Amino acid sequence: MHEILLATANPDKAREMEEILSACEAPGSPGLIRWRRLAEFPGLPQPVEDGETFLANARLKALHYARHTGLWTIADDSGLEVDALGGDPGVRSARYAGEPSNAKANNALLVRNLAGIPAGQRTARFRCAAVLAAPDQTLASAEGTVEGRIVDEPRGTNGFGYDPHFWIDAAGMTAAEMPPDRKHAVSHRGQALRRLRQQLQSLMADRTA
């Protein structure tokens, strides 16, 4: 059995990651992977997320936790880029309104900063970078992007973070209104983790050959 750590303290994100990555469990081979959570390793130091890109932050988090646990580790870094705000909040998405991270405050600040901006100029995208690392090296990485626009009124309860304010035209709803399977099919995290999953499957096959 492979043990792989999902390196996020956000339980909603950890749940999404496991749902998307669970397809690594080949048909007829249940229990191939034991997904571990950070809560199982109390007292671990937190990494300093000082990278200038989502990929840089995902890489440093994955390597940090792999070194501290000895496990293969998957970490992602994701965020929202709003064109009318010059790409903000970007890599600061989780702490847009300051420390500690607070989704309600982040969304309130986002809506305030877009006051007076017409709907057609509220284009935005979610980006995600995901990295698989061993204690001594990066093993794989992948990225994903989904386009949308920002709406003032939150809609839906299925998502988290900025999801209730992120309208996806092709779906005719916000990310928070989508059922999980549909969201995973189009989301930035779904895209990145499916691409990473393909690389993970190859690595596991080589490891067991």
Foldseek 3Di string as FASTA:
>chain_A
DAEEEEQDPDPQVVVLLCVLLVPLQDVPRPPPYDYHYCVVPPPQDADDQPDPAFQVSQVVSQLSVLQVPQHWYKYKQKAKAWVVVVGPPHSCQQACVHPPGDLVSSLVVVLVVCPPPDFVRFKMKMKMKMWIDHNVGTQDIFMFMAIFGFDNDFDAQQDDRRQRGGGHVVVRHTLRNDDSVVSLVGHGSNRGSVVVSVSVSVVVVVVVD
